Amino acid sequence: MADKKQKQNVVEELRKLDGPALTSKLAELKQQLVEQHRAHAAQELPSAHVIRKTRREIAKTLTLMGEAARKPAEKKEEDK
């Protein structure tokens, strides 16, 4: 149950960010993923599960960025 709340907190935290902050967060997560892959290949990473978590957080960030990009387009269509 706590895991579900933690996921919601991540999404809520990401929703508070604006466009440039989301882009910055995405770049940070991608760099983190590269570093995790390197550590996993060198057998320095105790659990590969953190890679999955990072990939999912990247996907959530990309989804929110897509939603933000679609909102202005939807608003223009409603104004017509």
Protein backbone atom coordinates (compact mmCIF):
# COMPACT_ATOMS: atom_id res chain seq x y z
CA MET A 1 0.00 0.00 0.00
CA ALA A 2 2.82 2.39 0.82
CA ASP A 3 4.29 1.68 -2.62
CA LYS A 4 1.15 3.05 -4.31
CA LYS A 5 1.29 6.24 -2.25
CA GLN A 6 4.96 6.63 -3.12
CA LYS A 7 4.13 6.37 -6.84
CA GLN A 8 1.42 9.01 -6.46
CA ASN A 9 3.85 11.29 -4.65
CA VAL A 10 6.33 11.01 -7.53
CA VAL A 11 3.65 11.95 -10.05
CA GLU A 12 2.40 14.83 -7.87
CA GLU A 13 5.97 16.08 -7.52
CA LEU A 14 6.46 15.95 -11.29
CA ARG A 15 3.14 17.72 -11.97
CA LYS A 16 4.33 20.68 -9.91
CA LEU A 17 7.24 21.25 -12.29
CA ASP A 18 6.95 23.51 -15.33
CA GLY A 19 8.27 22.78 -18.85
CA PRO A 20 11.96 23.68 -18.42
CA ALA A 21 12.11 22.01 -15.01
CA LEU A 22 10.60 18.82 -16.47
CA THR A 23 13.17 18.89 -19.27
CA SER A 24 15.93 19.31 -16.72
CA LYS A 25 14.53 16.46 -14.61
CA LEU A 26 14.37 14.24 -17.70
CA ALA A 27 18.03 14.93 -18.54
CA GLU A 28 18.98 14.19 -14.94
CA LEU A 29 17.08 10.89 -14.97
CA LYS A 30 18.63 9.82 -18.27
CA GLN A 31 22.11 10.55 -16.92
CA GLN A 32 21.24 8.59 -13.78
CA LEU A 33 20.10 5.65 -15.94
CA VAL A 34 23.37 5.65 -17.89
CA GLU A 35 25.31 5.64 -14.64
CA GLN A 36 23.17 2.80 -13.27
CA HIS A 37 23.77 0.73 -16.43
CA ARG A 38 27.51 1.32 -16.06
CA ALA A 39 27.43 0.30 -12.41
CA HIS A 40 25.38 -2.80 -13.23
CA ALA A 41 27.83 -3.85 -15.95
CA ALA A 42 30.72 -3.42 -13.49
CA GLN A 43 28.75 -5.45 -10.93
CA GLU A 44 28.76 -2.50 -8.54
CA LEU A 45 24.99 -2.25 -8.40
CA PRO A 46 23.52 -4.43 -5.64
CA SER A 47 20.11 -4.72 -7.36
CA ALA A 48 19.12 -4.16 -10.96
CA HIS A 49 15.67 -3.12 -9.75
CA VAL A 50 16.76 0.51 -9.46
CA ILE A 51 17.22 0.56 -13.25
CA ARG A 52 13.57 -0.39 -13.70
CA LYS A 53 12.45 2.31 -11.27
CA THR A 54 14.47 4.94 -13.12
CA ARG A 55 13.07 3.86 -16.50
CA ARG A 56 9.56 4.12 -15.14
CA GLU A 57 10.21 7.58 -13.72
CA ILE A 58 11.53 8.63 -17.15
CA ALA A 59 8.33 7.31 -18.72
CA LYS A 60 6.18 9.23 -16.22
CA THR A 61 8.13 12.41 -16.95
CA LEU A 62 7.72 11.97 -20.71
CA THR A 63 4.00 11.34 -20.25
CA LEU A 64 3.56 14.54 -18.27
CA MET A 65 5.56 16.47 -20.86
CA GLY A 66 3.26 15.11 -23.58
CA GLU A 67 0.17 16.06 -21.58
CA ALA A 68 1.52 19.57 -21.13
CA ALA A 69 2.19 19.86 -24.86
CA ARG A 70 -1.34 18.71 -25.74
CA LYS A 71 -3.13 21.08 -23.34
CA PRO A 72 -2.58 24.26 -25.40
CA ALA A 73 -3.70 22.47 -28.57
CA GLU A 74 -6.89 21.24 -26.89
CA LYS A 75 -7.60 24.70 -25.55
CA LYS A 76 -7.28 26.25 -29.03
CA GLU A 77 -9.74 23.72 -30.43
CA GLU A 78 -12.27 24.58 -27.71
CA ASP A 79 -11.99 28.30 -28.50
CA LYS A 80 -13.08 27.75 -32.13
